[in-house]
Amino acid sequence: MMKILGKATSINVRKVLWTCAELGLEFEREDWGSGFQATDAPEFLALNPNAMVPVLIDGDFVLWESNSICRYLAAREQRLDLLPAAAKERAIVEQWMDWQAGEFNNSWRYAFMSLVRQSPAHQDAALLAAGVAGWNRHVEILARRLEQTGAFVAGDTFSLADVVLGLSAQRWLMAPLEAHGRPELPAIADYCERLAERPGFMMHGRNGMP
């Protein structure tokens, strides 16, 4: 059976778990990461030299990078609703997925570690203020996109872009940003309410985990 290596609290692991829920796939999951089996163990590094979760093992095929895993699974199952075959439509989905993994994901790092994880190494006031501002700016970009489409990230219908960005939007809504400046973005709240109609989001997004 297909295996997913990574603890269920990881937002990147949850991308894959939600994708599996959308696809109706069965799998075994093993806990790896902080608090569990160490990802710098030789047997894990042999699978992913970056020492990061998740890792997918599908028979003799090994794949890392959460967004790549989501794309692989959707393509394997031929779910063109989640990952279109047409070049332009697919490019839009992948554009927003790549933006999430690069620009958006990096924008929240300091503020999230400071405010949610309470990391002692992330308590510099100036860096926190800059981190919150950067996080909010990227969420505003997403909000403007959702205002344009009126529905989902890539357009009228749900896609893999909503898996990765839906989790990101929910994380921002859950973060304790009020004392540091949180803009009113009804498009983000409405978006998460639309996603709440999907069981996978309720299991792996709106499940109390930031």
C-alpha atoms as a PDB file:
ATOM      1  CA  MET A   1       0.000   0.000   0.000  1.00  0.00           C
ATOM      2  CA  MET A   2       1.098   3.564  -0.670  1.00  0.00           C
ATOM      3  CA  LYS A   3       2.912   5.183   2.267  1.00  0.00           C
ATOM      4  CA  ILE A   4       3.101   8.804   3.397  1.00  0.00           C
ATOM      5  CA  LEU A   5       5.961   9.660   5.737  1.00  0.00           C
ATOM      6  CA  GLY A   6       5.316  12.678   7.939  1.00  0.00           C
ATOM      7  CA  LYS A   7       3.471  13.763  11.053  1.00  0.00           C
ATOM      8  CA  ALA A   8      -0.167  14.747  10.587  1.00  0.00           C
ATOM      9  CA  THR A   9       0.337  18.164  12.227  1.00  0.00           C
ATOM     10  CA  SER A  10       2.620  19.338   9.406  1.00  0.00           C
ATOM     11  CA  ILE A  11       0.818  21.672   7.003  1.00  0.00           C
ATOM     12  CA  ASN A  12       2.776  20.186   4.102  1.00  0.00           C
ATOM     13  CA  VAL A  13       1.788  16.668   5.070  1.00  0.00           C
ATOM     14  CA  ARG A  14      -1.810  17.823   5.352  1.00  0.00           C
ATOM     15  CA  LYS A  15      -1.730  18.980   1.723  1.00  0.00           C
ATOM     16  CA  VAL A  16      -1.080  15.394   0.710  1.00  0.00           C
ATOM     17  CA  LEU A  17      -3.625  13.958   3.144  1.00  0.00           C
ATOM     18  CA  TRP A  18      -6.312  16.302   1.824  1.00  0.00           C
ATOM     19  CA  THR A  19      -5.417  15.415  -1.750  1.00  0.00           C
ATOM     20  CA  CYS A  20      -5.755  11.727  -0.892  1.00  0.00           C
ATOM     21  CA  ALA A  21      -9.178  12.450   0.611  1.00  0.00           C
ATOM     22  CA  GLU A  22     -10.269  14.177  -2.603  1.00  0.00           C
ATOM     23  CA  LEU A  23      -9.028  11.199  -4.619  1.00  0.00           C
ATOM     24  CA  GLY A  24     -10.399   8.525  -2.308  1.00  0.00           C
ATOM     25  CA  LEU A  25      -6.972   6.928  -1.932  1.00  0.00           C
ATOM     26  CA  GLU A  26      -5.984   4.502   0.786  1.00  0.00           C
ATOM     27  CA  PHE A  27      -2.546   4.796   2.352  1.00  0.00           C
ATOM     28  CA  GLU A  28      -0.465   4.099   5.410  1.00  0.00           C
ATOM     29  CA  ARG A  29       1.085   7.037   7.236  1.00  0.00           C
ATOM     30  CA  GLU A  30       4.178   6.943   9.419  1.00  0.00           C
ATOM     31  CA  ASP A  31       5.033   9.684  11.916  1.00  0.00           C
ATOM     32  CA  TRP A  32       8.293  11.409  11.025  1.00  0.00           C
ATOM     33  CA  GLY A  33       9.431  14.864  12.077  1.00  0.00           C
ATOM     34  CA  SER A  34       9.808  16.847  15.285  1.00  0.00           C
ATOM     35  CA  GLY A  35       8.617  14.783  18.229  1.00  0.00           C
ATOM     36  CA  PHE A  36       8.660  11.553  16.215  1.00  0.00           C
ATOM     37  CA  GLN A  37      11.199   9.640  14.143  1.00  0.00           C
ATOM     38  CA  ALA A  38      14.032  11.974  13.175  1.00  0.00           C
ATOM     39  CA  THR A  39      14.199  13.026   9.537  1.00  0.00           C
ATOM     40  CA  ASP A  40      17.988  13.205   9.697  1.00  0.00           C
ATOM     41  CA  ALA A  41      18.136   9.446  10.220  1.00  0.00           C
ATOM     42  CA  PRO A  42      20.073   7.695   7.430  1.00  0.00           C
ATOM     43  CA  GLU A  43      17.058   5.704   6.299  1.00  0.00           C
ATOM     44  CA  PHE A  44      15.014   8.889   5.857  1.00  0.00           C
ATOM     45  CA  LEU A  45      17.808  10.833   4.182  1.00  0.00           C
ATOM     46  CA  ALA A  46      18.080   8.015   1.673  1.00  0.00           C
ATOM     47  CA  LEU A  47      14.509   8.876   0.650  1.00  0.00           C
ATOM     48  CA  ASN A  48      14.718  12.676   0.930  1.00  0.00           C
ATOM     49  CA  PRO A  49      18.146  14.295   1.250  1.00  0.00           C
ATOM     50  CA  ASN A  50      16.463  17.510   2.437  1.00  0.00           C
ATOM     51  CA  ALA A  51      15.381  15.777   5.680  1.00  0.00           C
ATOM     52  CA  MET A  52      11.863  17.186   5.342  1.00  0.00           C
ATOM     53  CA  VAL A  53       8.358  15.736   5.291  1.00  0.00           C
ATOM     54  CA  PRO A  54       6.316  14.592   3.501  1.00  0.00           C
ATOM     55  CA  VAL A  55       7.723  11.732   1.482  1.00  0.00           C
ATOM     56  CA  LEU A  56       5.517   9.535  -0.681  1.00  0.00           C
ATOM     57  CA  ILE A  57       6.392   5.893  -1.320  1.00  0.00           C
ATOM     58  CA  ASP A  58       4.276   4.398  -4.094  1.00  0.00           C
ATOM     59  CA  GLY A  59       5.636   0.944  -4.760  1.00  0.00           C
ATOM     60  CA  ASP A  60       9.226   1.477  -5.868  1.00  0.00           C
ATOM     61  CA  PHE A  61       8.602   5.164  -6.627  1.00  0.00           C
ATOM     62  CA  VAL A  62       9.718   7.753  -4.054  1.00  0.00           C
ATOM     63  CA  LEU A  63       8.735  11.413  -4.255  1.00  0.00           C
ATOM     64  CA  TRP A  64       9.252  14.440  -2.023  1.00  0.00           C
ATOM     65  CA  GLU A  65       8.034  18.069  -2.122  1.00  0.00           C
ATOM     66  CA  SER A  66       4.405  18.323  -1.039  1.00  0.00           C
ATOM     67  CA  ASN A  67       3.050  20.156  -4.079  1.00  0.00           C
ATOM     68  CA  SER A  68       4.790  17.740  -6.436  1.00  0.00           C
ATOM     69  CA  ILE A  69       3.258  14.838  -4.543  1.00  0.00           C
ATOM     70  CA  CYS A  70      -0.210  16.380  -4.858  1.00  0.00           C
ATOM     71  CA  ARG A  71       0.270  16.869  -8.604  1.00  0.00           C
ATOM     72  CA  TYR A  72       1.564  13.337  -9.059  1.00  0.00           C
ATOM     73  CA  LEU A  73      -1.395  11.777  -7.261  1.00  0.00           C
ATOM     74  CA  ALA A  74      -3.960  13.813  -9.190  1.00  0.00           C
ATOM     75  CA  ALA A  75      -2.264  12.955 -12.481  1.00  0.00           C
ATOM     76  CA  ARG A  76      -1.980   9.290 -11.535  1.00  0.00           C
ATOM     77  CA  GLU A  77      -5.701   9.159 -10.856  1.00  0.00           C
ATOM     78  CA  GLN A  78      -6.446  11.191 -14.004  1.00  0.00           C
ATOM     79  CA  ARG A  79      -8.391  13.779 -12.024  1.00  0.00           C
ATOM     80  CA  LEU A  80      -8.518  16.522 -14.596  1.00  0.00           C
ATOM     81  CA  ASP A  81     -10.904  18.500 -12.391  1.00  0.00           C
ATOM     82  CA  LEU A  82      -8.079  18.947  -9.891  1.00  0.00           C
ATOM     83  CA  LEU A  83      -5.203  19.246 -12.379  1.00  0.00           C
ATOM     84  CA  PRO A  84      -6.379  20.083 -15.908  1.00  0.00           C
ATOM     85  CA  ALA A  85      -4.816  18.591 -19.020  1.00  0.00           C
ATOM     86  CA  ALA A  86      -5.181  21.733 -21.147  1.00  0.00           C
ATOM     87  CA  ALA A  87      -1.938  23.719 -21.059  1.00  0.00           C
ATOM     88  CA  LYS A  88      -3.335  27.124 -20.085  1.00  0.00           C
ATOM     89  CA  GLU A  89      -5.742  25.839 -17.452  1.00  0.00           C
ATOM     90  CA  ARG A  90      -3.078  23.620 -15.915  1.00  0.00           C
ATOM     91  CA  ALA A  91      -0.559  26.460 -15.914  1.00  0.00           C
ATOM     92  CA  ILE A  92      -2.893  28.647 -13.845  1.00  0.00           C
ATOM     93  CA  VAL A  93      -3.324  25.903 -11.231  1.00  0.00           C
ATOM     94  CA  GLU A  94       0.408  25.276 -11.086  1.00  0.00           C
ATOM     95  CA  GLN A  95       1.216  28.991 -11.034  1.00  0.00           C
ATOM     96  CA  TRP A  96      -0.737  29.461  -7.815  1.00  0.00           C
ATOM     97  CA  MET A  97       0.657  26.254  -6.322  1.00  0.00           C
ATOM     98  CA  ASP A  98       4.199  27.444  -7.040  1.00  0.00           C
ATOM     99  CA  TRP A  99       3.399  30.867  -5.581  1.00  0.00           C
ATOM    100  CA  GLN A 100       2.162  29.200  -2.416  1.00  0.00           C
ATOM    101  CA  ALA A 101       5.274  27.062  -2.054  1.00  0.00           C
ATOM    102  CA  GLY A 102       7.651  29.939  -2.706  1.00  0.00           C
ATOM    103  CA  GLU A 103       6.376  33.435  -2.038  1.00  0.00           C
ATOM    104  CA  PHE A 104       3.453  32.809   0.317  1.00  0.00           C
ATOM    105  CA  ASN A 105       5.011  29.990   2.327  1.00  0.00           C
ATOM    106  CA  ASN A 106       8.119  32.035   3.045  1.00  0.00           C
ATOM    107  CA  SER A 107       6.157  35.143   4.016  1.00  0.00           C
ATOM    108  CA  TRP A 108       4.657  33.685   7.182  1.00  0.00           C
ATOM    109  CA  ARG A 109       7.715  31.876   8.509  1.00  0.00           C
ATOM    110  CA  TYR A 110       8.984  34.341  11.134  1.00  0.00           C
ATOM    111  CA  ALA A 111       5.581  35.485  12.359  1.00  0.00           C
ATOM    112  CA  PHE A 112       4.258  31.936  12.584  1.00  0.00           C
ATOM    113  CA  MET A 113       7.266  30.724  14.545  1.00  0.00           C
ATOM    114  CA  SER A 114       6.981  33.724  16.863  1.00  0.00           C
ATOM    115  CA  LEU A 115       3.247  33.874  17.512  1.00  0.00           C
ATOM    116  CA  VAL A 116       2.058  30.314  17.051  1.00  0.00           C
ATOM    117  CA  ARG A 117       5.057  28.167  17.876  1.00  0.00           C
ATOM    118  CA  GLN A 118       6.288  30.650  20.529  1.00  0.00           C
ATOM    119  CA  SER A 119       9.874  30.050  19.439  1.00  0.00           C
ATOM    120  CA  PRO A 120      12.372  31.910  21.690  1.00  0.00           C
ATOM    121  CA  ALA A 121      14.572  32.460  18.644  1.00  0.00           C
ATOM    122  CA  HIS A 122      11.809  34.388  16.847  1.00  0.00           C
ATOM    123  CA  GLN A 123      10.928  37.168  19.295  1.00  0.00           C
ATOM    124  CA  ASP A 124      12.646  40.185  17.756  1.00  0.00           C
ATOM    125  CA  ALA A 125       9.994  42.929  17.626  1.00  0.00           C
ATOM    126  CA  ALA A 126      11.181  44.491  14.377  1.00  0.00           C
ATOM    127  CA  LEU A 127      11.461  41.183  12.579  1.00  0.00           C
ATOM    128  CA  LEU A 128       8.055  40.154  13.887  1.00  0.00           C
ATOM    129  CA  ALA A 129       6.455  43.361  12.618  1.00  0.00           C
ATOM    130  CA  ALA A 130       8.060  42.868   9.214  1.00  0.00           C
ATOM    131  CA  GLY A 131       6.961  39.236   9.191  1.00  0.00           C
ATOM    132  CA  VAL A 132       3.348  40.079   9.987  1.00  0.00           C
ATOM    133  CA  ALA A 133       3.314  42.797   7.317  1.00  0.00           C
ATOM    134  CA  GLY A 134       4.699  40.407   4.717  1.00  0.00           C
ATOM    135  CA  TRP A 135       2.250  37.687   5.673  1.00  0.00           C
ATOM    136  CA  ASN A 136      -0.698  40.062   5.450  1.00  0.00           C
ATOM    137  CA  ARG A 137       0.484  41.401   2.100  1.00  0.00           C
ATOM    138  CA  HIS A 138       0.499  37.932   0.583  1.00  0.00           C
ATOM    139  CA  VAL A 139      -2.916  37.101   1.991  1.00  0.00           C
ATOM    140  CA  GLU A 140      -4.197  40.314   0.416  1.00  0.00           C
ATOM    141  CA  ILE A 141      -2.888  39.084  -2.956  1.00  0.00           C
ATOM    142  CA  LEU A 142      -4.877  35.886  -2.493  1.00  0.00           C
ATOM    143  CA  ALA A 143      -7.948  37.860  -1.422  1.00  0.00           C
ATOM    144  CA  ARG A 144      -7.826  40.002  -4.557  1.00  0.00           C
ATOM    145  CA  ARG A 145      -7.587  36.876  -6.698  1.00  0.00           C
ATOM    146  CA  LEU A 146     -10.624  35.368  -4.973  1.00  0.00           C
ATOM    147  CA  GLU A 147     -12.546  38.599  -5.479  1.00  0.00           C
ATOM    148  CA  GLN A 148     -11.779  38.307  -9.195  1.00  0.00           C
ATOM    149  CA  THR A 149     -12.888  34.691  -9.538  1.00  0.00           C
ATOM    150  CA  GLY A 150     -15.723  34.864  -7.022  1.00  0.00           C
ATOM    151  CA  ALA A 151     -15.126  31.219  -6.156  1.00  0.00           C
ATOM    152  CA  PHE A 152     -11.800  29.387  -6.176  1.00  0.00           C
ATOM    153  CA  VAL A 153      -8.191  30.231  -6.880  1.00  0.00           C
ATOM    154  CA  ALA A 154      -7.970  28.976 -10.454  1.00  0.00           C
ATOM    155  CA  GLY A 155     -11.509  30.004 -11.410  1.00  0.00           C
ATOM    156  CA  ASP A 156     -15.029  28.702 -10.965  1.00  0.00           C
ATOM    157  CA  THR A 157     -14.112  25.203  -9.851  1.00  0.00           C
ATOM    158  CA  PHE A 158     -12.066  23.623  -7.064  1.00  0.00           C
ATOM    159  CA  SER A 159      -8.534  22.491  -7.979  1.00  0.00           C
ATOM    160  CA  LEU A 160      -5.245  21.473  -6.389  1.00  0.00           C
ATOM    161  CA  ALA A 161      -4.443  25.162  -6.020  1.00  0.00           C
ATOM    162  CA  ASP A 162      -7.213  25.316  -3.416  1.00  0.00           C
ATOM    163  CA  VAL A 163      -5.738  22.432  -1.452  1.00  0.00           C
ATOM    164  CA  VAL A 164      -2.427  24.179  -0.899  1.00  0.00           C
ATOM    165  CA  LEU A 165      -3.806  27.718  -0.590  1.00  0.00           C
ATOM    166  CA  GLY A 166      -6.844  26.709   1.429  1.00  0.00           C
ATOM    167  CA  LEU A 167      -4.581  25.392   4.157  1.00  0.00           C
ATOM    168  CA  SER A 168      -2.532  28.591   3.970  1.00  0.00           C
ATOM    169  CA  ALA A 169      -5.636  30.763   4.263  1.00  0.00           C
ATOM    170  CA  GLN A 170      -6.900  28.777   7.240  1.00  0.00           C
ATOM    171  CA  ARG A 171      -3.522  29.111   8.964  1.00  0.00           C
ATOM    172  CA  TRP A 172      -3.682  32.888   8.601  1.00  0.00           C
ATOM    173  CA  LEU A 173      -7.217  33.006   9.999  1.00  0.00           C
ATOM    174  CA  MET A 174      -6.172  30.963  13.026  1.00  0.00           C
ATOM    175  CA  ALA A 175      -2.992  32.889  13.817  1.00  0.00           C
ATOM    176  CA  PRO A 176      -3.167  35.352  16.765  1.00  0.00           C
ATOM    177  CA  LEU A 177      -2.530  38.441  14.671  1.00  0.00           C
ATOM    178  CA  GLU A 178      -5.059  40.837  16.177  1.00  0.00           C
ATOM    179  CA  ALA A 179      -2.542  42.693  18.352  1.00  0.00           C
ATOM    180  CA  HIS A 180      -0.120  42.965  15.444  1.00  0.00           C
ATOM    181  CA  GLY A 181      -2.474  44.044  12.672  1.00  0.00           C
ATOM    182  CA  ARG A 182      -4.852  41.790  10.781  1.00  0.00           C
ATOM    183  CA  PRO A 183      -6.683  43.370   7.816  1.00  0.00           C
ATOM    184  CA  GLU A 184     -10.359  42.650   7.291  1.00  0.00           C
ATOM    185  CA  LEU A 185     -10.476  40.331   4.296  1.00  0.00           C
ATOM    186  CA  PRO A 186     -13.971  38.912   3.890  1.00  0.00           C
ATOM    187  CA  ALA A 187     -12.929  37.175   0.661  1.00  0.00           C
ATOM    188  CA  ILE A 188     -10.623  34.929   2.699  1.00  0.00           C
ATOM    189  CA  ALA A 189     -13.263  34.091   5.297  1.00  0.00           C
ATOM    190  CA  ASP A 190     -15.837  33.391   2.579  1.00  0.00           C
ATOM    191  CA  TYR A 191     -13.342  31.212   0.737  1.00  0.00           C
ATOM    192  CA  CYS A 192     -12.740  29.046   3.789  1.00  0.00           C
ATOM    193  CA  GLU A 193     -16.484  28.678   4.260  1.00  0.00           C
ATOM    194  CA  ARG A 194     -16.744  27.362   0.702  1.00  0.00           C
ATOM    195  CA  LEU A 195     -13.914  24.949   1.387  1.00  0.00           C
ATOM    196  CA  ALA A 196     -15.674  23.783   4.550  1.00  0.00           C
ATOM    197  CA  GLU A 197     -18.193  22.029   2.317  1.00  0.00           C
ATOM    198  CA  ARG A 198     -15.441  19.538   1.439  1.00  0.00           C
ATOM    199  CA  PRO A 199     -14.802  16.720   3.939  1.00  0.00           C
ATOM    200  CA  GLY A 200     -11.066  16.751   3.193  1.00  0.00           C
ATOM    201  CA  PHE A 201     -10.765  20.365   4.312  1.00  0.00           C
ATOM    202  CA  MET A 202     -12.655  19.666   7.516  1.00  0.00           C
ATOM    203  CA  MET A 203     -10.382  16.694   8.257  1.00  0.00           C
ATOM    204  CA  HIS A 204      -7.053  18.278   7.411  1.00  0.00           C
ATOM    205  CA  GLY A 205      -7.634  22.042   7.284  1.00  0.00           C
ATOM    206  CA  ARG A 206     -10.339  23.175   9.676  1.00  0.00           C
ATOM    207  CA  ASN A 207      -9.344  20.631  12.295  1.00  0.00           C
ATOM    208  CA  GLY A 208      -7.904  22.891  14.978  1.00  0.00           C
ATOM    209  CA  MET A 209      -4.346  22.699  13.635  1.00  0.00           C
ATOM    210  CA  PRO A 210      -2.722  25.974  12.533  1.00  0.00           C
END
